[in-house]
């Protein structure tokens, strides 16, 4: 496989990776707290238990099985971001345990929370007032539940 050279803007975008990751980590921690509160308040509606395991970003368990979310840091030239990847516990065709990816969303270093890998922007962790963050994050909760409902 052959690889291309990186554009100058991509190389300039990694100048402060440690600071960028620290900033994204603050935003993702606030989002995880908000998600926990929303899943707790909607338990009777969705029947999903939300926990924070020692390893991983969060975990859901309910009628649709077990879902684990992991936080990964990345950079695609436009800056550092956190990518929350959801994986569903299942069995493969040979009956072996598997954790296929079922969905992902992003938190950018400027605080934007994307409702998928490609957007749109749901709200901004830094500048959106708290009461509006909870309303906006409900769409994210519903998207997570819908992803968990996928058969595989």
N, C-alpha and C. Protein backbone atom coordinates (compact mmCIF):
# COMPACT_ATOMS: atom_id res chain seq x y z
N UNK A 1 0.84 -1.17 0.00
CA UNK A 1 0.00 0.00 0.00
C UNK A 1 0.89 1.24 0.00
N UNK A 2 0.55 2.21 -0.84
CA UNK A 2 1.30 3.45 -0.92
C UNK A 2 0.57 4.54 -0.15
N UNK A 3 1.33 5.42 0.49
CA UNK A 3 0.76 6.49 1.28
C UNK A 3 1.19 7.84 0.73
N UNK A 4 0.29 8.83 0.80
CA UNK A 4 0.57 10.18 0.34
C UNK A 4 1.24 10.99 1.46
N UNK A 5 1.90 12.08 1.05
CA UNK A 5 2.47 13.03 2.01
C UNK A 5 1.33 13.82 2.64
N UNK A 6 1.53 14.27 3.87
CA UNK A 6 0.52 15.07 4.55
C UNK A 6 0.61 16.52 4.10
N UNK A 7 -0.54 17.16 4.01
CA UNK A 7 -0.60 18.58 3.66
C UNK A 7 -0.06 19.41 4.81
N UNK A 8 0.43 20.60 4.48
CA UNK A 8 1.01 21.49 5.49
C UNK A 8 0.01 21.80 6.61
N UNK A 9 -1.26 22.02 6.27
CA UNK A 9 -2.27 22.33 7.29
C UNK A 9 -2.47 21.16 8.25
N UNK A 10 -2.32 19.94 7.77
CA UNK A 10 -2.44 18.78 8.66
C UNK A 10 -1.26 18.73 9.62
N UNK A 11 -0.08 19.01 9.13
CA UNK A 11 1.11 19.00 9.99
C UNK A 11 1.05 20.10 11.03
N UNK A 12 0.53 21.26 10.66
CA UNK A 12 0.39 22.37 11.60
C UNK A 12 -0.67 22.07 12.66
N UNK A 13 -1.63 21.21 12.34
CA UNK A 13 -2.73 20.90 13.24
C UNK A 13 -2.35 20.03 14.43
N UNK A 14 -1.11 19.53 14.45
CA UNK A 14 -0.71 18.67 15.57
C UNK A 14 0.28 19.35 16.51
N UNK A 15 0.40 20.66 16.40
CA UNK A 15 1.37 21.41 17.19
C UNK A 15 1.18 21.35 18.68
N UNK A 16 -0.04 21.17 19.15
CA UNK A 16 -0.33 21.17 20.59
C UNK A 16 -1.21 19.99 20.94
N UNK A 17 -0.80 18.80 20.56
CA UNK A 17 -1.62 17.61 20.73
C UNK A 17 -1.96 17.37 22.20
N UNK A 18 -1.01 17.50 23.09
CA UNK A 18 -1.26 17.23 24.51
C UNK A 18 -2.32 18.19 25.05
N UNK A 19 -2.18 19.47 24.77
CA UNK A 19 -3.17 20.45 25.23
C UNK A 19 -4.53 20.19 24.59
N UNK A 20 -4.54 19.86 23.30
CA UNK A 20 -5.80 19.58 22.61
C UNK A 20 -6.51 18.38 23.23
N UNK A 21 -5.77 17.32 23.53
CA UNK A 21 -6.38 16.13 24.14
C UNK A 21 -6.90 16.45 25.53
N UNK A 22 -6.17 17.26 26.29
CA UNK A 22 -6.66 17.65 27.62
C UNK A 22 -7.97 18.43 27.51
N UNK A 23 -8.05 19.30 26.52
CA UNK A 23 -9.28 20.08 26.31
C UNK A 23 -10.44 19.16 25.91
N UNK A 24 -10.19 18.27 24.96
CA UNK A 24 -11.23 17.32 24.53
C UNK A 24 -11.66 16.45 25.71
N UNK A 25 -10.70 16.04 26.54
CA UNK A 25 -11.02 15.19 27.70
C UNK A 25 -11.97 15.91 28.66
N UNK A 26 -11.79 17.21 28.87
CA UNK A 26 -12.72 17.97 29.72
C UNK A 26 -14.12 17.96 29.13
N UNK A 27 -14.20 18.18 27.83
CA UNK A 27 -15.51 18.20 27.17
C UNK A 27 -16.17 16.83 27.22
N UNK A 28 -15.39 15.77 27.00
CA UNK A 28 -15.97 14.43 26.99
C UNK A 28 -16.41 14.00 28.39
N UNK A 29 -15.73 14.48 29.41
CA UNK A 29 -16.14 14.17 30.78
C UNK A 29 -17.48 14.83 31.10
N UNK A 30 -17.62 16.08 30.70
CA UNK A 30 -18.90 16.77 30.90
C UNK A 30 -20.03 16.11 30.15
N UNK A 31 -19.74 15.68 28.93
CA UNK A 31 -20.77 14.99 28.12
C UNK A 31 -21.15 13.66 28.75
N UNK A 32 -20.17 12.92 29.25
CA UNK A 32 -20.48 11.62 29.86
C UNK A 32 -21.36 11.80 31.10
N UNK A 33 -21.09 12.81 31.90
CA UNK A 33 -21.94 13.11 33.06
C UNK A 33 -23.36 13.41 32.63
N UNK A 34 -23.50 14.22 31.60
CA UNK A 34 -24.82 14.57 31.07
C UNK A 34 -25.54 13.33 30.55
N UNK A 35 -24.84 12.48 29.80
CA UNK A 35 -25.44 11.25 29.29
C UNK A 35 -25.92 10.35 30.42
N UNK A 36 -25.11 10.24 31.47
CA UNK A 36 -25.48 9.43 32.63
C UNK A 36 -26.79 9.92 33.23
N UNK A 37 -26.88 11.23 33.41
CA UNK A 37 -28.10 11.81 33.99
C UNK A 37 -29.30 11.59 33.07
N UNK A 38 -29.10 11.73 31.77
CA UNK A 38 -30.21 11.54 30.84
C UNK A 38 -30.64 10.07 30.77
N UNK A 39 -29.70 9.15 30.77
CA UNK A 39 -30.07 7.74 30.75
C UNK A 39 -30.77 7.34 32.04
N UNK A 40 -30.35 7.90 33.16
CA UNK A 40 -31.02 7.62 34.44
C UNK A 40 -32.46 8.13 34.41
N UNK A 41 -32.65 9.32 33.87
CA UNK A 41 -34.00 9.89 33.85
C UNK A 41 -34.90 9.24 32.80
N UNK A 42 -34.32 8.55 31.82
CA UNK A 42 -35.13 7.90 30.79
C UNK A 42 -35.14 6.38 30.91
N UNK A 43 -34.71 5.86 32.07
CA UNK A 43 -34.62 4.41 32.23
C UNK A 43 -35.96 3.72 31.95
N UNK A 44 -37.05 4.27 32.48
CA UNK A 44 -38.35 3.63 32.26
C UNK A 44 -38.78 3.72 30.80
N UNK A 45 -38.27 4.70 30.09
CA UNK A 45 -38.63 4.85 28.67
C UNK A 45 -37.85 3.90 27.78
N UNK A 46 -36.53 3.77 28.03
CA UNK A 46 -35.67 2.97 27.17
C UNK A 46 -35.26 1.63 27.78
N UNK A 47 -35.38 1.47 29.10
CA UNK A 47 -34.99 0.22 29.75
C UNK A 47 -33.51 -0.08 29.64
N UNK A 48 -32.69 0.95 29.69
CA UNK A 48 -31.25 0.81 29.52
C UNK A 48 -30.54 1.27 30.78
N UNK A 49 -29.61 0.45 31.27
CA UNK A 49 -28.77 0.82 32.42
C UNK A 49 -27.47 1.41 31.90
N UNK A 50 -27.08 2.55 32.44
CA UNK A 50 -25.87 3.26 32.06
C UNK A 50 -24.86 3.13 33.18
N UNK A 51 -23.66 2.64 32.88
CA UNK A 51 -22.60 2.55 33.88
C UNK A 51 -21.29 3.05 33.27
N UNK A 52 -20.37 3.40 34.15
CA UNK A 52 -19.02 3.78 33.73
C UNK A 52 -18.07 2.71 34.25
N UNK A 53 -17.63 1.81 33.37
CA UNK A 53 -16.71 0.75 33.81
C UNK A 53 -15.29 1.29 34.01
N UNK A 54 -14.45 0.54 34.71
CA UNK A 54 -13.06 0.98 34.89
C UNK A 54 -12.34 1.21 33.56
N UNK A 55 -12.66 0.37 32.59
CA UNK A 55 -12.09 0.51 31.25
C UNK A 55 -13.21 0.93 30.31
N UNK A 56 -13.04 2.00 29.60
CA UNK A 56 -14.04 2.43 28.64
C UNK A 56 -14.70 3.74 29.03
N UNK A 57 -15.44 4.29 28.10
CA UNK A 57 -16.10 5.58 28.28
C UNK A 57 -17.43 5.43 28.99
N UNK A 58 -18.26 4.47 28.53
CA UNK A 58 -19.47 4.09 29.24
C UNK A 58 -19.94 2.74 28.72
N UNK A 59 -20.93 2.19 29.41
CA UNK A 59 -21.49 0.89 29.04
C UNK A 59 -23.00 0.96 29.21
N UNK A 60 -23.72 0.34 28.30
CA UNK A 60 -25.17 0.26 28.37
C UNK A 60 -25.58 -1.21 28.36
N UNK A 61 -26.60 -1.50 29.13
CA UNK A 61 -27.13 -2.86 29.12
C UNK A 61 -28.65 -2.75 29.19
N UNK A 62 -29.31 -3.54 28.35
CA UNK A 62 -30.76 -3.51 28.32
C UNK A 62 -31.32 -4.61 27.44
N UNK A 63 -32.53 -4.39 26.98
CA UNK A 63 -33.22 -5.38 26.16
C UNK A 63 -32.48 -5.71 24.87
N UNK A 64 -31.62 -4.80 24.44
CA UNK A 64 -30.92 -4.99 23.18
C UNK A 64 -29.53 -5.58 23.36
N UNK A 65 -29.17 -5.93 24.58
CA UNK A 65 -27.87 -6.52 24.84
C UNK A 65 -26.92 -5.55 25.52
N UNK A 66 -25.65 -5.82 25.36
CA UNK A 66 -24.59 -5.05 26.01
C UNK A 66 -23.86 -4.20 24.97
N UNK A 67 -23.72 -2.92 25.28
CA UNK A 67 -23.03 -1.98 24.41
C UNK A 67 -21.90 -1.35 25.21
N UNK A 68 -20.72 -1.30 24.62
CA UNK A 68 -19.59 -0.61 25.24
C UNK A 68 -19.17 0.55 24.37
N UNK A 69 -18.88 1.66 25.01
CA UNK A 69 -18.40 2.84 24.29
C UNK A 69 -16.97 3.13 24.74
N UNK A 70 -16.10 3.32 23.79
CA UNK A 70 -14.71 3.67 24.07
C UNK A 70 -14.40 5.02 23.46
N UNK A 71 -13.56 5.78 24.14
CA UNK A 71 -13.14 7.08 23.67
C UNK A 71 -11.75 6.95 23.06
N UNK A 72 -11.63 7.37 21.81
CA UNK A 72 -10.35 7.37 21.10
C UNK A 72 -10.05 8.79 20.66
N UNK A 73 -8.80 9.17 20.69
CA UNK A 73 -8.40 10.50 20.23
C UNK A 73 -7.81 10.37 18.83
N UNK A 74 -8.12 11.35 17.99
CA UNK A 74 -7.65 11.30 16.60
C UNK A 74 -7.47 12.72 16.07
N UNK A 75 -6.91 12.80 14.86
CA UNK A 75 -6.73 14.07 14.18
C UNK A 75 -6.84 13.81 12.69
N UNK A 76 -7.69 14.56 12.01
CA UNK A 76 -7.84 14.41 10.56
C UNK A 76 -7.49 15.69 9.81
N UNK A 77 -6.56 16.44 10.33
CA UNK A 77 -6.15 17.65 9.65
C UNK A 77 -6.90 18.89 10.10
N UNK A 78 -8.10 18.73 10.62
CA UNK A 78 -8.86 19.88 11.09
C UNK A 78 -8.73 20.05 12.60
N UNK A 79 -7.88 19.28 13.21
CA UNK A 79 -7.66 19.39 14.64
C UNK A 79 -7.96 18.09 15.37
N UNK A 80 -7.57 18.07 16.61
CA UNK A 80 -7.74 16.89 17.45
C UNK A 80 -9.19 16.78 17.90
N UNK A 81 -9.67 15.55 17.97
CA UNK A 81 -11.04 15.33 18.43
C UNK A 81 -11.11 14.01 19.18
N UNK A 82 -12.17 13.84 19.94
CA UNK A 82 -12.46 12.57 20.58
C UNK A 82 -13.52 11.85 19.77
N UNK A 83 -13.33 10.60 19.56
CA UNK A 83 -14.31 9.78 18.82
C UNK A 83 -14.81 8.71 19.77
N UNK A 84 -16.10 8.75 20.08
CA UNK A 84 -16.71 7.76 20.96
C UNK A 84 -17.30 6.67 20.06
N UNK A 85 -16.74 5.47 20.18
CA UNK A 85 -17.12 4.35 19.33
C UNK A 85 -17.95 3.37 20.15
N UNK A 86 -19.14 3.05 19.65
CA UNK A 86 -20.02 2.08 20.30
C UNK A 86 -19.83 0.71 19.66
N UNK A 87 -19.70 -0.30 20.50
CA UNK A 87 -19.56 -1.69 20.06
C UNK A 87 -20.61 -2.53 20.77
N UNK A 88 -21.19 -3.47 20.03
CA UNK A 88 -22.25 -4.31 20.57
C UNK A 88 -21.74 -5.74 20.75
N UNK A 89 -22.02 -6.30 21.93
CA UNK A 89 -21.64 -7.68 22.20
C UNK A 89 -22.55 -8.62 21.39
N UNK A 90 -21.93 -9.51 20.66
CA UNK A 90 -22.68 -10.45 19.83
C UNK A 90 -21.82 -11.69 19.58
N UNK A 91 -22.32 -12.59 18.81
CA UNK A 91 -21.58 -13.78 18.39
C UNK A 91 -21.41 -13.73 16.88
N UNK A 92 -20.23 -14.14 16.41
CA UNK A 92 -20.02 -14.16 14.96
C UNK A 92 -20.61 -15.43 14.36
N UNK A 93 -20.40 -15.63 13.07
CA UNK A 93 -20.97 -16.78 12.36
C UNK A 93 -20.49 -18.12 12.92
N UNK A 94 -19.32 -18.14 13.54
CA UNK A 94 -18.78 -19.37 14.12
C UNK A 94 -19.14 -19.51 15.60
N UNK A 95 -19.95 -18.60 16.12
CA UNK A 95 -20.36 -18.68 17.52
C UNK A 95 -19.37 -18.09 18.50
N UNK A 96 -18.37 -17.39 18.00
CA UNK A 96 -17.37 -16.76 18.87
C UNK A 96 -17.83 -15.36 19.26
N UNK A 97 -17.42 -14.95 20.46
CA UNK A 97 -17.73 -13.62 20.96
C UNK A 97 -17.14 -12.56 20.03
N UNK A 98 -17.93 -11.52 19.74
CA UNK A 98 -17.47 -10.43 18.87
C UNK A 98 -18.02 -9.10 19.39
N UNK A 99 -17.33 -8.02 19.06
CA UNK A 99 -17.73 -6.67 19.46
C UNK A 99 -17.67 -5.76 18.24
N UNK A 100 -18.57 -5.91 17.28
CA UNK A 100 -18.52 -5.04 16.09
C UNK A 100 -18.92 -3.61 16.41
N UNK A 101 -18.31 -2.68 15.68
CA UNK A 101 -18.68 -1.27 15.80
C UNK A 101 -20.09 -1.10 15.24
N UNK A 102 -20.91 -0.34 15.97
CA UNK A 102 -22.27 -0.09 15.48
C UNK A 102 -22.54 1.39 15.23
N UNK A 103 -21.74 2.28 15.83
CA UNK A 103 -21.98 3.71 15.63
C UNK A 103 -20.86 4.50 16.31
N UNK A 104 -20.75 5.77 15.99
CA UNK A 104 -19.76 6.64 16.63
C UNK A 104 -20.22 8.08 16.56
N UNK A 105 -19.75 8.88 17.51
CA UNK A 105 -19.96 10.32 17.48
C UNK A 105 -18.69 11.00 17.94
N UNK A 106 -18.60 12.31 17.72
CA UNK A 106 -17.36 13.03 17.96
C UNK A 106 -17.54 14.23 18.87
N UNK A 107 -16.45 14.57 19.56
CA UNK A 107 -16.34 15.79 20.35
C UNK A 107 -15.05 16.47 19.90
N UNK A 108 -15.16 17.66 19.33
CA UNK A 108 -14.01 18.37 18.79
C UNK A 108 -13.32 19.21 19.86
N UNK A 109 -12.08 19.59 19.58
CA UNK A 109 -11.31 20.35 20.57
C UNK A 109 -11.90 21.72 20.85
N UNK A 110 -12.75 22.23 19.95
CA UNK A 110 -13.39 23.52 20.21
C UNK A 110 -14.69 23.36 21.00
N UNK A 111 -15.06 22.10 21.33
CA UNK A 111 -16.25 21.84 22.14
C UNK A 111 -17.46 21.39 21.36
N UNK A 112 -17.40 21.42 20.02
CA UNK A 112 -18.54 20.96 19.23
C UNK A 112 -18.77 19.47 19.43
N UNK A 113 -20.02 19.10 19.66
CA UNK A 113 -20.42 17.69 19.77
C UNK A 113 -21.17 17.36 18.48
N UNK A 114 -20.63 16.42 17.74
CA UNK A 114 -21.27 15.98 16.49
C UNK A 114 -22.16 14.80 16.79
N UNK A 115 -23.29 14.71 16.14
CA UNK A 115 -24.24 13.63 16.39
C UNK A 115 -23.90 12.36 15.60
N UNK A 116 -22.76 12.34 14.93
CA UNK A 116 -22.24 11.16 14.24
C UNK A 116 -20.79 11.44 13.88
N UNK A 117 -20.21 10.60 13.04
CA UNK A 117 -18.85 10.85 12.58
C UNK A 117 -18.76 12.03 11.62
N UNK A 118 -19.87 12.34 10.95
CA UNK A 118 -19.85 13.39 9.93
C UNK A 118 -20.65 14.62 10.31
N UNK A 119 -21.23 14.65 11.49
CA UNK A 119 -22.02 15.78 11.91
C UNK A 119 -23.49 15.49 11.71
N UNK A 120 -24.32 16.42 11.87
CA UNK A 120 -24.07 17.83 12.11
C UNK A 120 -23.70 18.10 13.56
N UNK A 121 -23.35 19.36 13.82
CA UNK A 121 -23.04 19.79 15.19
C UNK A 121 -24.33 19.79 15.98
N UNK A 122 -24.31 19.11 17.12
CA UNK A 122 -25.48 19.04 17.99
C UNK A 122 -25.54 20.25 18.92
N UNK A 123 -24.40 20.58 19.51
CA UNK A 123 -24.25 21.75 20.38
C UNK A 123 -22.78 21.91 20.70
N UNK A 124 -22.45 22.95 21.45
CA UNK A 124 -21.06 23.19 21.84
C UNK A 124 -20.92 23.06 23.34
N UNK A 125 -20.03 22.18 23.80
CA UNK A 125 -19.82 21.93 25.24
C UNK A 125 -19.33 23.18 25.96
N UNK A 126 -18.62 24.04 25.27
CA UNK A 126 -18.03 25.21 25.91
C UNK A 126 -19.01 26.38 25.96
N UNK A 127 -19.74 26.63 24.87
CA UNK A 127 -20.51 27.87 24.78
C UNK A 127 -22.02 27.73 24.92
N UNK A 128 -22.55 26.52 24.81
CA UNK A 128 -24.00 26.33 24.92
C UNK A 128 -24.42 26.36 26.38
N UNK A 129 -25.46 27.12 26.73
CA UNK A 129 -25.93 27.14 28.13
C UNK A 129 -26.36 25.74 28.58
N UNK A 130 -26.16 25.44 29.87
CA UNK A 130 -26.43 24.10 30.42
C UNK A 130 -27.81 23.57 30.10
N UNK A 131 -28.83 24.41 30.26
CA UNK A 131 -30.20 23.91 30.03
C UNK A 131 -30.39 23.49 28.57
N UNK A 132 -29.69 24.14 27.64
CA UNK A 132 -29.80 23.78 26.23
C UNK A 132 -28.98 22.53 25.91
N UNK A 133 -27.89 22.31 26.67
CA UNK A 133 -27.08 21.11 26.46
C UNK A 133 -27.90 19.85 26.73
N UNK A 134 -28.70 19.87 27.79
CA UNK A 134 -29.51 18.69 28.12
C UNK A 134 -30.54 18.41 27.05
N UNK A 135 -31.16 19.44 26.53
CA UNK A 135 -32.15 19.26 25.46
C UNK A 135 -31.48 18.70 24.21
N UNK A 136 -30.33 19.25 23.85
CA UNK A 136 -29.61 18.80 22.66
C UNK A 136 -29.08 17.38 22.84
N UNK A 137 -28.60 17.06 24.05
CA UNK A 137 -28.02 15.73 24.30
C UNK A 137 -29.08 14.63 24.25
N UNK A 138 -30.34 14.97 24.39
CA UNK A 138 -31.40 13.95 24.27
C UNK A 138 -31.39 13.31 22.89
N UNK A 139 -31.09 14.09 21.87
CA UNK A 139 -30.99 13.53 20.52
C UNK A 139 -29.85 12.51 20.46
N UNK A 140 -28.78 12.81 21.15
CA UNK A 140 -27.64 11.88 21.19
C UNK A 140 -28.04 10.60 21.92
N UNK A 141 -28.75 10.70 23.03
CA UNK A 141 -29.23 9.53 23.77
C UNK A 141 -30.11 8.68 22.88
N UNK A 142 -31.04 9.30 22.17
CA UNK A 142 -31.93 8.55 21.28
C UNK A 142 -31.17 7.88 20.15
N UNK A 143 -30.14 8.55 19.64
CA UNK A 143 -29.31 7.95 18.59
C UNK A 143 -28.53 6.75 19.12
N UNK A 144 -28.04 6.84 20.35
CA UNK A 144 -27.32 5.72 20.96
C UNK A 144 -28.26 4.53 21.13
N UNK A 145 -29.48 4.79 21.62
CA UNK A 145 -30.45 3.70 21.82
C UNK A 145 -30.82 3.08 20.47
N UNK A 146 -31.04 3.89 19.46
CA UNK A 146 -31.37 3.37 18.14
C UNK A 146 -30.24 2.50 17.61
N UNK A 147 -29.00 2.93 17.83
CA UNK A 147 -27.84 2.13 17.41
C UNK A 147 -27.80 0.80 18.14
N UNK A 148 -28.13 0.82 19.43
CA UNK A 148 -28.13 -0.42 20.22
C UNK A 148 -29.18 -1.40 19.73
N UNK A 149 -30.25 -0.89 19.13
CA UNK A 149 -31.33 -1.74 18.64
C UNK A 149 -30.97 -2.48 17.35
N UNK A 150 -29.90 -2.08 16.69
CA UNK A 150 -29.50 -2.76 15.45
C UNK A 150 -29.22 -4.22 15.75
N UNK A 151 -29.65 -5.13 14.88
CA UNK A 151 -29.40 -6.55 15.15
C UNK A 151 -27.93 -6.91 15.23
N UNK A 152 -27.10 -6.23 14.42
CA UNK A 152 -25.67 -6.45 14.45
C UNK A 152 -24.95 -5.43 13.67
